[in-house]
PDB file of all heavy atoms in Angstrom:
ATOM      1  N   GLN A   1     -17.219   5.814   2.877  1.00  0.00           N
ATOM      2  CA  GLN A   1     -18.047   7.153   3.283  1.00  0.00           C
ATOM      3  C   GLN A   1     -17.296   8.323   2.576  1.00  0.00           C
ATOM      4  O   GLN A   1     -17.043   9.391   3.270  1.00  0.00           O
ATOM      5  CB  GLN A   1     -18.044   7.342   4.746  1.00  0.00           C
ATOM      6  CG  GLN A   1     -18.913   6.220   5.467  1.00  0.00           C
ATOM      7  CD  GLN A   1     -19.016   6.506   6.962  1.00  0.00           C
ATOM      8  OE1 GLN A   1     -18.390   7.283   7.509  1.00  0.00           O
ATOM      9  NE2 GLN A   1     -19.938   5.720   7.552  1.00  0.00           N
ATOM     10  N   GLN A   2     -17.077   8.291   1.334  1.00  0.00           N
ATOM     11  CA  GLN A   2     -16.514   9.245   0.547  1.00  0.00           C
ATOM     12  C   GLN A   2     -15.171   9.737   0.906  1.00  0.00           C
ATOM     13  O   GLN A   2     -14.778  11.046   0.537  1.00  0.00           O
ATOM     14  CB  GLN A   2     -17.601  10.479   0.447  1.00  0.00           C
ATOM     15  CG  GLN A   2     -19.040  10.084   0.052  1.00  0.00           C
ATOM     16  CD  GLN A   2     -19.019   9.638  -1.378  1.00  0.00           C
ATOM     17  OE1 GLN A   2     -18.526  10.233  -2.252  1.00  0.00           O
ATOM     18  NE2 GLN A   2     -19.663   8.554  -1.502  1.00  0.00           N
ATOM     19  N   ARG A   3     -14.463   8.890   1.490  1.00  0.00           N
ATOM     20  CA  ARG A   3     -12.977   9.434   1.730  1.00  0.00           C
ATOM     21  C   ARG A   3     -12.127   8.083   1.864  1.00  0.00           C
ATOM     22  O   ARG A   3     -12.573   7.046   2.135  1.00  0.00           O
ATOM     23  CB  ARG A   3     -13.018  10.184   2.942  1.00  0.00           C
ATOM     24  CG  ARG A   3     -13.439   9.523   4.229  1.00  0.00           C
ATOM     25  CD  ARG A   3     -13.384  10.308   5.508  1.00  0.00           C
ATOM     26  NE  ARG A   3     -11.872  10.564   5.774  1.00  0.00           N
ATOM     27  CZ  ARG A   3     -11.499  11.164   6.928  1.00  0.00           C
ATOM     28  NH1 ARG A   3     -12.459  11.616   7.730  1.00  0.00           N
ATOM     29  NH2 ARG A   3     -10.209  11.259   7.089  1.00  0.00           N
ATOM     30  N   TRP A   4     -10.871   8.298   1.702  1.00  0.00           N
ATOM     31  CA  TRP A   4      -9.837   7.183   1.934  1.00  0.00           C
ATOM     32  C   TRP A   4      -9.606   7.098   3.375  1.00  0.00           C
ATOM     33  O   TRP A   4      -9.446   8.048   4.112  1.00  0.00           O
ATOM     34  CB  TRP A   4      -8.574   7.503   1.080  1.00  0.00           C
ATOM     35  CG  TRP A   4      -8.633   7.425  -0.316  1.00  0.00           C
ATOM     36  CD1 TRP A   4      -8.710   8.398  -1.192  1.00  0.00           C
ATOM     37  CD2 TRP A   4      -8.756   6.108  -1.053  1.00  0.00           C
ATOM     38  NE1 TRP A   4      -8.772   7.940  -2.547  1.00  0.00           N
ATOM     39  CE2 TRP A   4      -8.806   6.654  -2.474  1.00  0.00           C
ATOM     40  CE3 TRP A   4      -8.844   4.899  -0.755  1.00  0.00           C
ATOM     41  CZ2 TRP A   4      -8.982   5.638  -3.361  1.00  0.00           C
ATOM     42  CZ3 TRP A   4      -8.976   3.913  -1.728  1.00  0.00           C
ATOM     43  CH2 TRP A   4      -9.000   4.375  -3.137  1.00  0.00           C
ATOM     44  N   ARG A   5      -9.634   5.826   3.838  1.00  0.00           N
ATOM     45  CA  ARG A   5      -9.350   5.585   5.248  1.00  0.00           C
ATOM     46  C   ARG A   5      -8.370   4.415   5.463  1.00  0.00           C
ATOM     47  O   ARG A   5      -8.365   3.540   4.635  1.00  0.00           O
ATOM     48  CB  ARG A   5     -10.629   5.243   6.020  1.00  0.00           C
ATOM     49  CG  ARG A   5     -11.797   6.376   5.921  1.00  0.00           C
ATOM     50  CD  ARG A   5     -13.031   5.802   6.653  1.00  0.00           C
ATOM     51  NE  ARG A   5     -14.072   6.736   6.478  1.00  0.00           N
ATOM     52  CZ  ARG A   5     -14.446   7.686   7.391  1.00  0.00           C
ATOM     53  NH1 ARG A   5     -13.599   7.751   8.368  1.00  0.00           N
ATOM     54  NH2 ARG A   5     -15.335   8.596   7.265  1.00  0.00           N
ATOM     55  N   VAL A   6      -7.700   4.431   6.568  1.00  0.00           N
ATOM     56  CA  VAL A   6      -6.875   3.263   6.829  1.00  0.00           C
ATOM     57  C   VAL A   6      -7.651   2.003   7.215  1.00  0.00           C
ATOM     58  O   VAL A   6      -8.791   2.227   7.449  1.00  0.00           O
ATOM     59  CB  VAL A   6      -5.887   3.546   7.982  1.00  0.00           C
ATOM     60  CG1 VAL A   6      -4.947   4.721   7.766  1.00  0.00           C
ATOM     61  CG2 VAL A   6      -6.617   3.766   9.354  1.00  0.00           C
ATOM     62  N   GLN A   7      -7.070   0.886   7.122  1.00  0.00           N
ATOM     63  CA  GLN A   7      -7.756  -0.388   7.430  1.00  0.00           C
ATOM     64  C   GLN A   7      -8.167  -0.265   8.883  1.00  0.00           C
ATOM     65  O   GLN A   7      -7.515   0.311   9.710  1.00  0.00           O
ATOM     66  CB  GLN A   7      -6.908  -1.480   6.998  1.00  0.00           C
ATOM     67  CG  GLN A   7      -6.522  -1.610   5.599  1.00  0.00           C
ATOM     68  CD  GLN A   7      -5.673  -2.823   5.192  1.00  0.00           C
ATOM     69  OE1 GLN A   7      -5.546  -3.727   5.979  1.00  0.00           O
ATOM     70  NE2 GLN A   7      -5.015  -2.762   4.033  1.00  0.00           N
ATOM     71  N   PRO A   8      -9.231  -1.040   9.190  1.00  0.00           N
ATOM     72  CA  PRO A   8      -9.868  -1.051  10.641  1.00  0.00           C
ATOM     73  C   PRO A   8      -8.839  -1.323  11.620  1.00  0.00           C
ATOM     74  O   PRO A   8      -8.966  -0.693  12.835  1.00  0.00           O
ATOM     75  CB  PRO A   8     -11.018  -1.995  10.643  1.00  0.00           C
ATOM     76  CG  PRO A   8     -11.394  -2.021   9.123  1.00  0.00           C
ATOM     77  CD  PRO A   8     -10.130  -1.793   8.229  1.00  0.00           C
ATOM     78  N   ASP A   9      -7.885  -2.178  11.446  1.00  0.00           N
ATOM     79  CA  ASP A   9      -6.883  -2.594  12.470  1.00  0.00           C
ATOM     80  C   ASP A   9      -5.856  -1.521  12.728  1.00  0.00           C
ATOM     81  O   ASP A   9      -5.200  -1.604  13.661  1.00  0.00           O
ATOM     82  CB  ASP A   9      -6.213  -3.890  12.053  1.00  0.00           C
ATOM     83  CG  ASP A   9      -7.218  -5.100  12.089  1.00  0.00           C
ATOM     84  OD1 ASP A   9      -8.209  -4.991  12.683  1.00  0.00           O
ATOM     85  OD2 ASP A   9      -6.820  -6.056  11.446  1.00  0.00           O
ATOM     86  N   HIS A  10      -5.886  -0.388  11.846  1.00  0.00           N
ATOM     87  CA  HIS A  10      -4.865   0.556  11.871  1.00  0.00           C
ATOM     88  C   HIS A  10      -5.334   1.921  12.329  1.00  0.00           C
ATOM     89  O   HIS A  10      -4.605   2.928  12.254  1.00  0.00           O
ATOM     90  CB  HIS A  10      -4.095   0.623  10.501  1.00  0.00           C
ATOM     91  CG  HIS A  10      -3.576  -0.632  10.031  1.00  0.00           C
ATOM     92  ND1 HIS A  10      -3.370  -0.850   8.651  1.00  0.00           N
ATOM     93  CD2 HIS A  10      -3.160  -1.741  10.740  1.00  0.00           C
ATOM     94  CE1 HIS A  10      -2.804  -1.979   8.595  1.00  0.00           C
ATOM     95  NE2 HIS A  10      -2.628  -2.598   9.723  1.00  0.00           N
ATOM     96  N   GLN A  11      -6.500   1.926  12.971  1.00  0.00           N
ATOM     97  CA  GLN A  11      -7.149   3.219  13.385  1.00  0.00           C
ATOM     98  C   GLN A  11      -6.273   3.883  14.443  1.00  0.00           C
ATOM     99  O   GLN A  11      -5.758   3.140  15.280  1.00  0.00           O
ATOM    100  CB  GLN A  11      -8.506   2.978  13.936  1.00  0.00           C
ATOM    101  CG  GLN A  11      -9.524   2.480  12.795  1.00  0.00           C
ATOM    102  CD  GLN A  11      -9.822   3.650  11.739  1.00  0.00           C
ATOM    103  OE1 GLN A  11      -9.774   4.813  12.042  1.00  0.00           O
ATOM    104  NE2 GLN A  11     -10.346   3.216  10.652  1.00  0.00           N
ATOM    105  N   ASP A  12      -6.086   5.142  14.395  1.00  0.00           N
ATOM    106  CA  ASP A  12      -5.358   5.945  15.456  1.00  0.00           C
ATOM    107  C   ASP A  12      -3.876   5.598  15.477  1.00  0.00           C
ATOM    108  O   ASP A  12      -3.355   5.901  16.494  1.00  0.00           O
ATOM    109  CB  ASP A  12      -5.949   5.719  16.781  1.00  0.00           C
ATOM    110  CG  ASP A  12      -7.448   6.128  16.846  1.00  0.00           C
ATOM    111  OD1 ASP A  12      -7.871   7.066  16.037  1.00  0.00           O
ATOM    112  OD2 ASP A  12      -8.316   5.453  17.492  1.00  0.00           O
ATOM    113  N   GLN A  13      -3.335   5.050  14.420  1.00  0.00           N
ATOM    114  CA  GLN A  13      -1.922   4.708  14.284  1.00  0.00           C
ATOM    115  C   GLN A  13      -1.152   5.649  13.404  1.00  0.00           C
ATOM    116  O   GLN A  13      -1.895   6.133  12.456  1.00  0.00           O
ATOM    117  CB  GLN A  13      -1.560   3.312  13.964  1.00  0.00           C
ATOM    118  CG  GLN A  13      -2.158   2.246  14.975  1.00  0.00           C
ATOM    119  CD  GLN A  13      -1.701   0.796  14.618  1.00  0.00           C
ATOM    120  OE1 GLN A  13      -0.470   0.623  14.239  1.00  0.00           O
ATOM    121  NE2 GLN A  13      -2.614  -0.178  14.625  1.00  0.00           N
ATOM    122  N   ASP A  14      -0.002   6.011  13.666  1.00  0.00           N
ATOM    123  CA  ASP A  14       0.815   6.939  12.723  1.00  0.00           C
ATOM    124  C   ASP A  14       1.233   6.250  11.560  1.00  0.00           C
ATOM    125  O   ASP A  14       1.719   5.103  11.632  1.00  0.00           O
ATOM    126  CB  ASP A  14       2.066   7.396  13.539  1.00  0.00           C
ATOM    127  CG  ASP A  14       1.712   8.406  14.617  1.00  0.00           C
ATOM    128  OD1 ASP A  14       0.616   9.004  14.517  1.00  0.00           O
ATOM    129  OD2 ASP A  14       2.360   8.426  15.579  1.00  0.00           O
ATOM    130  N   ILE A  15       0.840   6.720  10.435  1.00  0.00           N
ATOM    131  CA  ILE A  15       1.233   6.135   9.164  1.00  0.00           C
ATOM    132  C   ILE A  15       1.962   7.019   8.265  1.00  0.00           C
ATOM    133  O   ILE A  15       1.935   8.318   8.572  1.00  0.00           O
ATOM    134  CB  ILE A  15      -0.051   5.647   8.357  1.00  0.00           C
ATOM    135  CG1 ILE A  15      -0.883   6.925   8.016  1.00  0.00           C
ATOM    136  CG2 ILE A  15      -0.840   4.663   9.243  1.00  0.00           C
ATOM    137  CD1 ILE A  15      -2.005   6.444   7.037  1.00  0.00           C
ATOM    138  N   GLU A  16       2.564   6.505   7.208  1.00  0.00           N
ATOM    139  CA  GLU A  16       3.261   7.308   6.260  1.00  0.00           C
ATOM    140  C   GLU A  16       2.676   6.983   4.831  1.00  0.00           C
ATOM    141  O   GLU A  16       2.671   5.795   4.484  1.00  0.00           O
ATOM    142  CB  GLU A  16       4.754   7.223   6.262  1.00  0.00           C
ATOM    143  CG  GLU A  16       5.376   8.047   5.171  1.00  0.00           C
ATOM    144  CD  GLU A  16       6.928   7.918   5.087  1.00  0.00           C
ATOM    145  OE1 GLU A  16       7.480   7.263   6.054  1.00  0.00           O
ATOM    146  OE2 GLU A  16       7.590   8.273   4.194  1.00  0.00           O
ATOM    147  N   ILE A  17       2.097   8.010   4.111  1.00  0.00           N
ATOM    148  CA  ILE A  17       1.644   7.801   2.755  1.00  0.00           C
ATOM    149  C   ILE A  17       2.946   7.629   1.779  1.00  0.00           C
ATOM    150  O   ILE A  17       3.711   8.498   1.848  1.00  0.00           O
ATOM    151  CB  ILE A  17       0.797   8.898   2.239  1.00  0.00           C
ATOM    152  CG1 ILE A  17      -0.526   8.952   3.139  1.00  0.00           C
ATOM    153  CG2 ILE A  17       0.408   8.493   0.754  1.00  0.00           C
ATOM    154  CD1 ILE A  17      -1.319   7.821   3.113  1.00  0.00           C
ATOM    155  N   VAL A  18       3.094   6.386   1.111  1.00  0.00           N
ATOM    156  CA  VAL A  18       4.143   6.228   0.227  1.00  0.00           C
ATOM    157  C   VAL A  18       3.826   6.095  -1.162  1.00  0.00           C
ATOM    158  O   VAL A  18       4.660   5.800  -2.075  1.00  0.00           O
ATOM    159  CB  VAL A  18       5.024   5.032   0.700  1.00  0.00           C
ATOM    160  CG1 VAL A  18       5.622   5.295   2.080  1.00  0.00           C
ATOM    161  CG2 VAL A  18       4.091   3.719   0.727  1.00  0.00           C
ATOM    162  N   GLY A  19       2.559   6.252  -1.527  1.00  0.00           N
ATOM    163  CA  GLY A  19       2.176   6.214  -2.892  1.00  0.00           C
ATOM    164  C   GLY A  19       2.943   7.289  -3.791  1.00  0.00           C
ATOM    165  O   GLY A  19       3.019   8.407  -3.387  1.00  0.00           O
ATOM    166  N   GLY A  20       3.388   6.811  -4.947  1.00  0.00           N
ATOM    167  CA  GLY A  20       4.065   7.741  -5.896  1.00  0.00           C
ATOM    168  C   GLY A  20       5.516   7.807  -5.489  1.00  0.00           C
ATOM    169  O   GLY A  20       6.318   8.429  -6.302  1.00  0.00           O
ATOM    170  N   LYS A  21       6.099   7.217  -4.396  1.00  0.00           N
ATOM    171  CA  LYS A  21       7.323   7.439  -3.997  1.00  0.00           C
ATOM    172  C   LYS A  21       8.271   6.367  -4.506  1.00  0.00           C
ATOM    173  O   LYS A  21       9.439   6.408  -4.659  1.00  0.00           O
ATOM    174  CB  LYS A  21       7.419   7.402  -2.438  1.00  0.00           C
ATOM    175  CG  LYS A  21       8.839   7.712  -1.840  1.00  0.00           C
ATOM    176  CD  LYS A  21       8.742   7.711  -0.267  1.00  0.00           C
ATOM    177  CE  LYS A  21      10.206   7.999   0.336  1.00  0.00           C
ATOM    178  NZ  LYS A  21      10.155   8.054   1.796  1.00  0.00           N
ATOM    179  N   TYR A  22       7.677   5.159  -4.869  1.00  0.00           N
ATOM    180  CA  TYR A  22       8.456   4.053  -5.507  1.00  0.00           C
ATOM    181  C   TYR A  22       7.749   3.490  -6.763  1.00  0.00           C
ATOM    182  O   TYR A  22       6.704   3.883  -7.056  1.00  0.00           O
ATOM    183  CB  TYR A  22       8.442   2.901  -4.435  1.00  0.00           C
ATOM    184  CG  TYR A  22       9.099   3.300  -3.024  1.00  0.00           C
ATOM    185  CD1 TYR A  22       8.303   3.517  -1.949  1.00  0.00           C
ATOM    186  CD2 TYR A  22      10.436   3.502  -2.921  1.00  0.00           C
ATOM    187  CE1 TYR A  22       8.836   3.842  -0.720  1.00  0.00           C
ATOM    188  CE2 TYR A  22      10.970   3.837  -1.684  1.00  0.00           C
ATOM    189  CZ  TYR A  22      10.108   3.984  -0.518  1.00  0.00           C
ATOM    190  OH  TYR A  22      10.772   4.416   0.643  1.00  0.00           O
ATOM    191  N   LEU A  23       8.522   2.551  -7.362  1.00  0.00           N
ATOM    192  CA  LEU A  23       7.926   1.780  -8.438  1.00  0.00           C
ATOM    193  C   LEU A  23       7.573   0.427  -7.908  1.00  0.00           C
ATOM    194  O   LEU A  23       8.388  -0.160  -7.052  1.00  0.00           O
ATOM    195  CB  LEU A  23       8.837   1.650  -9.617  1.00  0.00           C
ATOM    196  CG  LEU A  23       9.248   3.006 -10.351  1.00  0.00           C
ATOM    197  CD1 LEU A  23       9.943   2.740 -11.622  1.00  0.00           C
ATOM    198  CD2 LEU A  23       7.838   3.779 -10.745  1.00  0.00           C
ATOM    199  N   ILE A  24       6.704  -0.262  -8.520  1.00  0.00           N
ATOM    200  CA  ILE A  24       6.355  -1.730  -8.123  1.00  0.00           C
ATOM    201  C   ILE A  24       6.116  -2.476  -9.421  1.00  0.00           C
ATOM    202  O   ILE A  24       5.579  -1.848 -10.254  1.00  0.00           O
ATOM    203  CB  ILE A  24       5.136  -1.664  -7.233  1.00  0.00           C
ATOM    204  CG1 ILE A  24       4.903  -3.099  -6.744  1.00  0.00           C
ATOM    205  CG2 ILE A  24       3.851  -1.130  -7.788  1.00  0.00           C
ATOM    206  CD1 ILE A  24       3.765  -3.265  -5.597  1.00  0.00           C
ATOM    207  N   SER A  25       6.498  -3.656  -9.421  1.00  0.00           N
ATOM    208  CA  SER A  25       6.274  -4.426 -10.617  1.00  0.00           C
ATOM    209  C   SER A  25       4.772  -4.688 -10.846  1.00  0.00           C
ATOM    210  O   SER A  25       3.894  -4.674  -9.789  1.00  0.00           O
ATOM    211  CB  SER A  25       7.007  -5.855 -10.622  1.00  0.00           C
ATOM    212  OG  SER A  25       6.409  -6.595  -9.594  1.00  0.00           O
ATOM    213  N   GLY A  26       4.353  -4.987 -12.132  1.00  0.00           N
ATOM    214  CA  GLY A  26       3.017  -5.184 -12.440  1.00  0.00           C
ATOM    215  C   GLY A  26       2.418  -6.303 -11.632  1.00  0.00           C
ATOM    216  O   GLY A  26       1.283  -6.209 -11.136  1.00  0.00           O
ATOM    217  N   ASN A  27       3.132  -7.407 -11.716  1.00  0.00           N
ATOM    218  CA  ASN A  27       2.591  -8.712 -10.969  1.00  0.00           C
ATOM    219  C   ASN A  27       2.443  -8.443  -9.515  1.00  0.00           C
ATOM    220  O   ASN A  27       1.568  -8.918  -8.895  1.00  0.00           O
ATOM    221  CB  ASN A  27       3.459  -9.882 -11.275  1.00  0.00           C
ATOM    222  CG  ASN A  27       3.418 -10.307 -12.732  1.00  0.00           C
ATOM    223  OD1 ASN A  27       2.411 -10.162 -13.406  1.00  0.00           O
ATOM    224  ND2 ASN A  27       4.630 -10.674 -13.356  1.00  0.00           N
ATOM    225  N   SER A  28       3.463  -7.592  -8.847  1.00  0.00           N
ATOM    226  CA  SER A  28       3.491  -7.453  -7.508  1.00  0.00           C
ATOM    227  C   SER A  28       2.221  -6.552  -7.067  1.00  0.00           C
ATOM    228  O   SER A  28       1.488  -6.789  -6.086  1.00  0.00           O
ATOM    229  CB  SER A  28       4.747  -6.824  -6.967  1.00  0.00           C
ATOM    230  OG  SER A  28       5.850  -7.817  -7.104  1.00  0.00           O
ATOM    231  N   LEU A  29       2.001  -5.597  -7.949  1.00  0.00           N
ATOM    232  CA  LEU A  29       0.898  -4.708  -7.779  1.00  0.00           C
ATOM    233  C   LEU A  29      -0.487  -5.389  -7.730  1.00  0.00           C
ATOM    234  O   LEU A  29      -1.431  -5.113  -6.962  1.00  0.00           O
ATOM    235  CB  LEU A  29       0.887  -3.561  -8.777  1.00  0.00           C
ATOM    236  CG  LEU A  29      -0.287  -2.503  -8.660  1.00  0.00           C
ATOM    237  CD1 LEU A  29      -0.249  -1.899  -7.325  1.00  0.00           C
ATOM    238  CD2 LEU A  29      -0.273  -1.495  -9.797  1.00  0.00           C
ATOM    239  N   LYS A  30      -0.582  -6.303  -8.616  1.00  0.00           N
ATOM    240  CA  LYS A  30      -1.794  -7.073  -8.847  1.00  0.00           C
ATOM    241  C   LYS A  30      -2.122  -7.779  -7.486  1.00  0.00           C
ATOM    242  O   LYS A  30      -3.207  -7.845  -6.989  1.00  0.00           O
ATOM    243  CB  LYS A  30      -1.748  -8.005  -9.945  1.00  0.00           C
ATOM    244  CG  LYS A  30      -2.936  -8.605 -10.439  1.00  0.00           C
ATOM    245  CD  LYS A  30      -2.829  -9.407 -11.823  1.00  0.00           C
ATOM    246  CE  LYS A  30      -4.178  -9.932 -12.326  1.00  0.00           C
ATOM    247  NZ  LYS A  30      -3.868 -10.578 -13.592  1.00  0.00           N
ATOM    248  N   ALA A  31      -1.067  -8.558  -7.082  1.00  0.00           N
ATOM    249  CA  ALA A  31      -1.283  -9.371  -5.860  1.00  0.00           C
ATOM    250  C   ALA A  31      -1.478  -8.480  -4.577  1.00  0.00           C
ATOM    251  O   ALA A  31      -2.311  -8.808  -3.807  1.00  0.00           O
ATOM    252  CB  ALA A  31       0.049 -10.288  -5.636  1.00  0.00           C
ATOM    253  N   PHE A  32      -0.838  -7.436  -4.639  1.00  0.00           N
ATOM    254  CA  PHE A  32      -0.859  -6.451  -3.362  1.00  0.00           C
ATOM    255  C   PHE A  32      -2.474  -5.803  -3.368  1.00  0.00           C
ATOM    256  O   PHE A  32      -2.939  -5.844  -2.295  1.00  0.00           O
ATOM    257  CB  PHE A  32       0.208  -5.428  -3.481  1.00  0.00           C
ATOM    258  CG  PHE A  32      -0.183  -4.095  -2.696  1.00  0.00           C
ATOM    259  CD1 PHE A  32      -0.197  -4.139  -1.324  1.00  0.00           C
ATOM    260  CD2 PHE A  32      -0.582  -2.948  -3.242  1.00  0.00           C
ATOM    261  CE1 PHE A  32      -0.586  -3.218  -0.543  1.00  0.00           C
ATOM    262  CE2 PHE A  32      -0.817  -1.856  -2.629  1.00  0.00           C
ATOM    263  CZ  PHE A  32      -0.851  -1.909  -1.263  1.00  0.00           C
ATOM    264  N   TRP A  33      -2.848  -5.421  -4.504  1.00  0.00           N
ATOM    265  CA  TRP A  33      -4.079  -4.681  -4.583  1.00  0.00           C
ATOM    266  C   TRP A  33      -5.268  -5.683  -4.125  1.00  0.00           C
ATOM    267  O   TRP A  33      -6.185  -5.260  -3.534  1.00  0.00           O
ATOM    268  CB  TRP A  33      -4.352  -4.115  -5.933  1.00  0.00           C
ATOM    269  CG  TRP A  33      -5.284  -2.989  -6.010  1.00  0.00           C
ATOM    270  CD1 TRP A  33      -6.534  -2.863  -6.347  1.00  0.00           C
ATOM    271  CD2 TRP A  33      -4.850  -1.652  -5.423  1.00  0.00           C
ATOM    272  NE1 TRP A  33      -7.008  -1.571  -6.201  1.00  0.00           N
ATOM    273  CE2 TRP A  33      -6.131  -0.793  -5.611  1.00  0.00           C
ATOM    274  CE3 TRP A  33      -3.740  -1.126  -4.840  1.00  0.00           C
ATOM    275  CZ2 TRP A  33      -6.090   0.514  -5.239  1.00  0.00           C
ATOM    276  CZ3 TRP A  33      -3.668   0.284  -4.531  1.00  0.00           C
ATOM    277  CH2 TRP A  33      -4.908   1.035  -4.624  1.00  0.00           C
ATOM    278  N   ASN A  34      -5.076  -6.823  -4.658  1.00  0.00           N
ATOM    279  CA  ASN A  34      -6.202  -7.930  -4.192  1.00  0.00           C
ATOM    280  C   ASN A  34      -6.171  -8.255  -2.636  1.00  0.00           C
ATOM    281  O   ASN A  34      -7.236  -8.349  -2.053  1.00  0.00           O
ATOM    282  CB  ASN A  34      -5.926  -9.081  -5.047  1.00  0.00           C
ATOM    283  CG  ASN A  34      -6.358  -8.919  -6.500  1.00  0.00           C
ATOM    284  OD1 ASN A  34      -7.183  -8.078  -6.853  1.00  0.00           O
ATOM    285  ND2 ASN A  34      -5.846  -9.699  -7.398  1.00  0.00           N
ATOM    286  N   ALA A  35      -4.977  -8.361  -2.245  1.00  0.00           N
ATOM    287  CA  ALA A  35      -4.838  -8.738  -0.826  1.00  0.00           C
ATOM    288  C   ALA A  35      -4.973  -7.516   0.207  1.00  0.00           C
ATOM    289  O   ALA A  35      -5.350  -7.726   1.345  1.00  0.00           O
ATOM    290  CB  ALA A  35      -3.458  -9.441  -0.512  1.00  0.00           C
ATOM    291  N   GLY A  36      -4.734  -6.289  -0.246  1.00  0.00           N
ATOM    292  CA  GLY A  36      -4.798  -5.094   0.529  1.00  0.00           C
ATOM    293  C   GLY A  36      -3.601  -4.847   1.334  1.00  0.00           C
ATOM    294  O   GLY A  36      -3.459  -3.821   1.992  1.00  0.00           O
ATOM    295  N   LYS A  37      -2.536  -5.668   1.359  1.00  0.00           N
ATOM    296  CA  LYS A  37      -1.346  -5.602   2.017  1.00  0.00           C
ATOM    297  C   LYS A  37      -0.254  -6.485   1.425  1.00  0.00           C
ATOM    298  O   LYS A  37      -0.505  -7.401   0.692  1.00  0.00           O
ATOM    299  CB  LYS A  37      -1.500  -5.922   3.475  1.00  0.00           C
ATOM    300  CG  LYS A  37      -1.799  -7.416   3.711  1.00  0.00           C
ATOM    301  CD  LYS A  37      -1.900  -7.587   5.248  1.00  0.00           C
ATOM    302  CE  LYS A  37      -2.120  -9.111   5.482  1.00  0.00           C
ATOM    303  NZ  LYS A  37      -2.296  -9.394   6.930  1.00  0.00           N
ATOM    304  N   SER A  38       1.061  -6.116   1.743  1.00  0.00           N
ATOM    305  CA  SER A  38       2.201  -6.995   1.289  1.00  0.00           C
ATOM    306  C   SER A  38       3.264  -6.595   2.315  1.00  0.00           C
ATOM    307  O   SER A  38       3.571  -5.609   2.684  1.00  0.00           O
ATOM    308  CB  SER A  38       2.573  -6.488  -0.113  1.00  0.00           C
ATOM    309  OG  SER A  38       3.681  -7.318  -0.494  1.00  0.00           O
ATOM    310  N   THR A  39       3.923  -7.836   2.548  1.00  0.00           N
ATOM    311  CA  THR A  39       5.171  -7.889   3.389  1.00  0.00           C
ATOM    312  C   THR A  39       6.487  -7.996   2.574  1.00  0.00           C
ATOM    313  O   THR A  39       7.519  -8.073   3.081  1.00  0.00           O
ATOM    314  CB  THR A  39       5.104  -8.741   4.573  1.00  0.00           C
ATOM    315  OG1 THR A  39       4.936 -10.120   4.086  1.00  0.00           O
ATOM    316  CG2 THR A  39       4.018  -8.357   5.503  1.00  0.00           C
ATOM    317  N   SER A  40       6.197  -8.188   1.275  1.00  0.00           N
ATOM    318  CA  SER A  40       7.434  -8.249   0.367  1.00  0.00           C
ATOM    319  C   SER A  40       7.223  -7.747  -1.021  1.00  0.00           C
ATOM    320  O   SER A  40       7.111  -8.446  -1.924  1.00  0.00           O
ATOM    321  CB  SER A  40       7.763  -9.844   0.320  1.00  0.00           C
ATOM    322  OG  SER A  40       6.651 -10.610  -0.190  1.00  0.00           O
ATOM    323  N   PRO A  41       6.862  -6.430  -1.051  1.00  0.00           N
ATOM    324  CA  PRO A  41       6.470  -5.758  -2.276  1.00  0.00           C
ATOM    325  C   PRO A  41       7.517  -5.658  -3.345  1.00  0.00           C
ATOM    326  O   PRO A  41       7.304  -5.436  -4.493  1.00  0.00           O
ATOM    327  CB  PRO A  41       5.885  -4.486  -1.818  1.00  0.00           C
ATOM    328  CG  PRO A  41       6.805  -4.090  -0.533  1.00  0.00           C
ATOM    329  CD  PRO A  41       6.966  -5.422   0.133  1.00  0.00           C
ATOM    330  N   LYS A  42       8.818  -5.746  -2.885  1.00  0.00           N
ATOM    331  CA  LYS A  42       9.951  -5.600  -3.886  1.00  0.00           C
ATOM    332  C   LYS A  42       9.946  -4.271  -4.625  1.00  0.00           C
ATOM    333  O   LYS A  42       9.978  -4.316  -5.793  1.00  0.00           O
ATOM    334  CB  LYS A  42      10.059  -6.749  -4.783  1.00  0.00           C
ATOM    335  CG  LYS A  42      10.248  -8.148  -4.112  1.00  0.00           C
ATOM    336  CD  LYS A  42      10.310  -9.342  -5.120  1.00  0.00           C
ATOM    337  CE  LYS A  42      10.564 -10.592  -4.398  1.00  0.00           C
ATOM    338  NZ  LYS A  42      10.592 -11.804  -5.399  1.00  0.00           N
ATOM    339  N   LEU A  43       9.807  -3.137  -3.845  1.00  0.00           N
ATOM    340  CA  LEU A  43       9.719  -1.898  -4.447  1.00  0.00           C
ATOM    341  C   LEU A  43      11.060  -1.371  -4.903  1.00  0.00           C
ATOM    342  O   LEU A  43      12.075  -1.901  -4.582  1.00  0.00           O
ATOM    343  CB  LEU A  43       9.176  -0.820  -3.323  1.00  0.00           C
ATOM    344  CG  LEU A  43       7.834  -1.199  -2.708  1.00  0.00           C
ATOM    345  CD1 LEU A  43       7.512  -0.233  -1.588  1.00  0.00           C
ATOM    346  CD2 LEU A  43       6.681  -1.301  -3.665  1.00  0.00           C
ATOM    347  N   LYS A  44      10.973  -0.479  -5.983  1.00  0.00           N
ATOM    348  CA  LYS A  44      12.307  -0.002  -6.499  1.00  0.00           C
ATOM    349  C   LYS A  44      12.164   1.713  -6.248  1.00  0.00           C
ATOM    350  O   LYS A  44      11.202   2.259  -6.476  1.00  0.00           O
ATOM    351  CB  LYS A  44      12.284  -0.153  -8.025  1.00  0.00           C
ATOM    352  CG  LYS A  44      12.464  -1.738  -8.278  1.00  0.00           C
ATOM    353  CD  LYS A  44      13.748  -2.212  -7.972  1.00  0.00           C
ATOM    354  CE  LYS A  44      14.008  -3.713  -8.517  1.00  0.00           C
ATOM    355  NZ  LYS A  44      15.368  -4.137  -8.143  1.00  0.00           N
ATOM    356  N   HIS A  45      13.273   2.234  -5.952  1.00  0.00           N
ATOM    357  CA  HIS A  45      13.310   3.641  -6.000  1.00  0.00           C
ATOM    358  C   HIS A  45      13.157   4.177  -7.317  1.00  0.00           C
ATOM    359  O   HIS A  45      13.314   3.575  -8.419  1.00  0.00           O
ATOM    360  CB  HIS A  45      14.755   4.192  -5.566  1.00  0.00           C
ATOM    361  CG  HIS A  45      15.022   4.014  -4.123  1.00  0.00           C
ATOM    362  ND1 HIS A  45      14.523   4.853  -3.036  1.00  0.00           N
ATOM    363  CD2 HIS A  45      15.786   2.962  -3.488  1.00  0.00           C
ATOM    364  CE1 HIS A  45      14.819   4.353  -1.940  1.00  0.00           C
ATOM    365  NE2 HIS A  45      15.768   3.238  -2.127  1.00  0.00           N
ATOM    366  N   LEU A  46      12.543   5.398  -7.474  1.00  0.00           N
ATOM    367  CA  LEU A  46      12.369   6.009  -8.883  1.00  0.00           C
ATOM    368  C   LEU A  46      13.644   6.120  -9.523  1.00  0.00           C
ATOM    369  O   LEU A  46      14.657   6.639  -9.100  1.00  0.00           O
ATOM    370  CB  LEU A  46      11.765   7.450  -8.650  1.00  0.00           C
ATOM    371  CG  LEU A  46      10.428   7.529  -8.051  1.00  0.00           C
ATOM    372  CD1 LEU A  46       9.917   8.943  -7.845  1.00  0.00           C
ATOM    373  CD2 LEU A  46       9.497   6.675  -8.659  1.00  0.00           C
TER     374      LEU A  46
END
């Protein structure tokens, strides 16, 4: 509906936007984006 929203299971919960804060490997990003979530993203600090 013309805006970014959290996933339905996470409505009314406190979240933190972390986009742009870390780097992610290309392969990990591909898997994460398709699944919509990841519990082992192997992020790197900038």
